[in-house]
Amino acid sequence: MSLKINYTNVTNAEDAFKKVKTLITPEYIEKFQVTADVSYDDEQKVVKAKGSGFTLDLAFFPEYCKVDLDLSFLLRPLKTKILEKIEGQIKKNL
């Protein structure tokens, strides 16, 4: 399951990607009591976070951000709640 979130506060993929790079950091993810390796692909405008039991991909397109979240079997029951939180943060900032 993935989400497609239209931009409301930024006008293009470049601005959205730059903003998310400053927001999605390993320190930010640690607030949720998980550790993750975060990587940024400036050319493709993709942010990837991979941790124990999850993989989060944020891909930036001209008018929207696509969010893909893969969870381990144990975390799958929480997927809807996690996606709601992610969607709220992205809508608030982008």
Protein backbone atom coordinates (compact mmCIF):
# COMPACT_ATOMS: atom_id res chain seq x y z
CA MET A 1 0.00 0.00 0.00
CA SER A 2 1.30 3.41 -0.87
CA LEU A 3 0.13 6.97 -0.41
CA LYS A 4 0.10 9.81 -2.92
CA ILE A 5 0.17 13.17 -1.16
CA ASN A 6 -0.22 16.40 -3.14
CA TYR A 7 1.92 19.39 -2.19
CA THR A 8 0.19 22.32 -0.50
CA ASN A 9 3.07 24.41 0.93
CA VAL A 10 5.72 23.86 -1.75
CA THR A 11 5.45 24.17 -5.51
CA ASN A 12 7.71 21.46 -6.92
CA ALA A 13 9.60 18.24 -6.25
CA GLU A 14 12.95 19.98 -5.74
CA ASP A 15 11.64 22.20 -2.93
CA ALA A 16 9.78 19.30 -1.33
CA PHE A 17 12.85 17.05 -1.44
CA LYS A 18 15.07 19.74 0.10
CA LYS A 19 12.60 20.32 2.91
CA VAL A 20 12.23 16.61 3.68
CA LYS A 21 16.02 16.18 3.73
CA THR A 22 16.14 18.64 6.61
CA LEU A 23 13.23 16.98 8.43
CA ILE A 24 13.80 13.23 7.99
CA THR A 25 17.05 12.52 9.77
CA PRO A 26 18.24 9.59 11.87
CA GLU A 27 17.74 11.79 14.94
CA TYR A 28 14.12 12.47 13.97
CA ILE A 29 13.44 8.76 13.50
CA GLU A 30 14.97 8.02 16.92
CA LYS A 31 12.10 10.02 18.46
CA PHE A 32 9.92 7.02 17.59
CA GLN A 33 12.28 4.74 19.51
CA VAL A 34 13.62 3.00 16.40
CA THR A 35 16.93 3.25 14.62
CA ALA A 36 17.20 3.52 10.87
CA ASP A 37 19.67 4.11 8.11
CA VAL A 38 18.50 7.10 6.10
CA SER A 39 19.74 7.69 2.56
CA TYR A 40 19.04 10.52 0.14
CA ASP A 41 19.20 10.20 -3.64
CA ASP A 42 19.50 13.78 -4.92
CA GLU A 43 19.30 12.75 -8.57
CA GLN A 44 16.14 10.65 -8.27
CA LYS A 45 14.69 12.76 -5.42
CA VAL A 46 14.12 9.76 -3.15
CA VAL A 47 14.50 9.41 0.61
CA LYS A 48 14.86 5.88 2.01
CA ALA A 49 14.79 4.87 5.65
CA LYS A 50 15.51 1.26 6.55
CA GLY A 51 15.38 -0.11 10.04
CA SER A 52 14.59 -3.24 11.95
CA GLY A 53 11.27 -4.41 10.57
CA PHE A 54 10.51 -1.56 8.19
CA THR A 55 11.47 0.22 4.99
CA LEU A 56 10.12 3.66 4.15
CA ASP A 57 10.51 5.21 0.68
CA LEU A 58 9.53 8.78 -0.15
CA ALA A 59 9.66 9.61 -3.87
CA PHE A 60 9.12 13.17 -5.02
CA PHE A 61 7.31 13.98 -8.25
CA PRO A 62 6.39 17.39 -9.75
CA GLU A 63 3.03 17.65 -7.94
CA TYR A 64 3.05 15.00 -5.21
CA CYS A 65 5.04 12.76 -2.89
CA LYS A 66 4.63 8.99 -3.08
CA VAL A 67 5.05 7.13 0.21
CA ASP A 68 5.76 3.40 0.30
CA LEU A 69 6.00 1.58 3.61
CA ASP A 70 6.99 -2.05 4.05
CA LEU A 71 6.62 -3.55 7.50
CA SER A 72 7.64 -6.83 9.01
CA PHE A 73 4.94 -9.35 9.84
CA LEU A 74 4.85 -8.27 13.48
CA LEU A 75 4.38 -4.58 12.62
CA ARG A 76 1.77 -4.99 9.86
CA PRO A 77 -1.21 -4.52 12.20
CA LEU A 78 0.13 -0.99 12.88
CA LYS A 79 0.51 -0.03 9.20
CA THR A 80 -2.64 2.09 8.97
CA LYS A 81 -1.76 4.04 12.10
CA ILE A 82 1.84 4.58 10.99
CA LEU A 83 0.76 5.73 7.52
CA GLU A 84 -1.69 8.19 9.08
CA LYS A 85 1.14 9.73 11.12
CA ILE A 86 3.43 9.95 8.10
CA GLU A 87 0.67 11.44 5.95
CA GLY A 88 -0.09 14.06 8.60
CA GLN A 89 3.56 15.11 8.87
CA ILE A 90 4.01 15.33 5.11
CA LYS A 91 0.81 17.33 4.59
CA LYS A 92 1.82 19.71 7.37
CA ASN A 93 5.27 20.34 5.90
CA LEU A 94 4.79 20.00 2.15
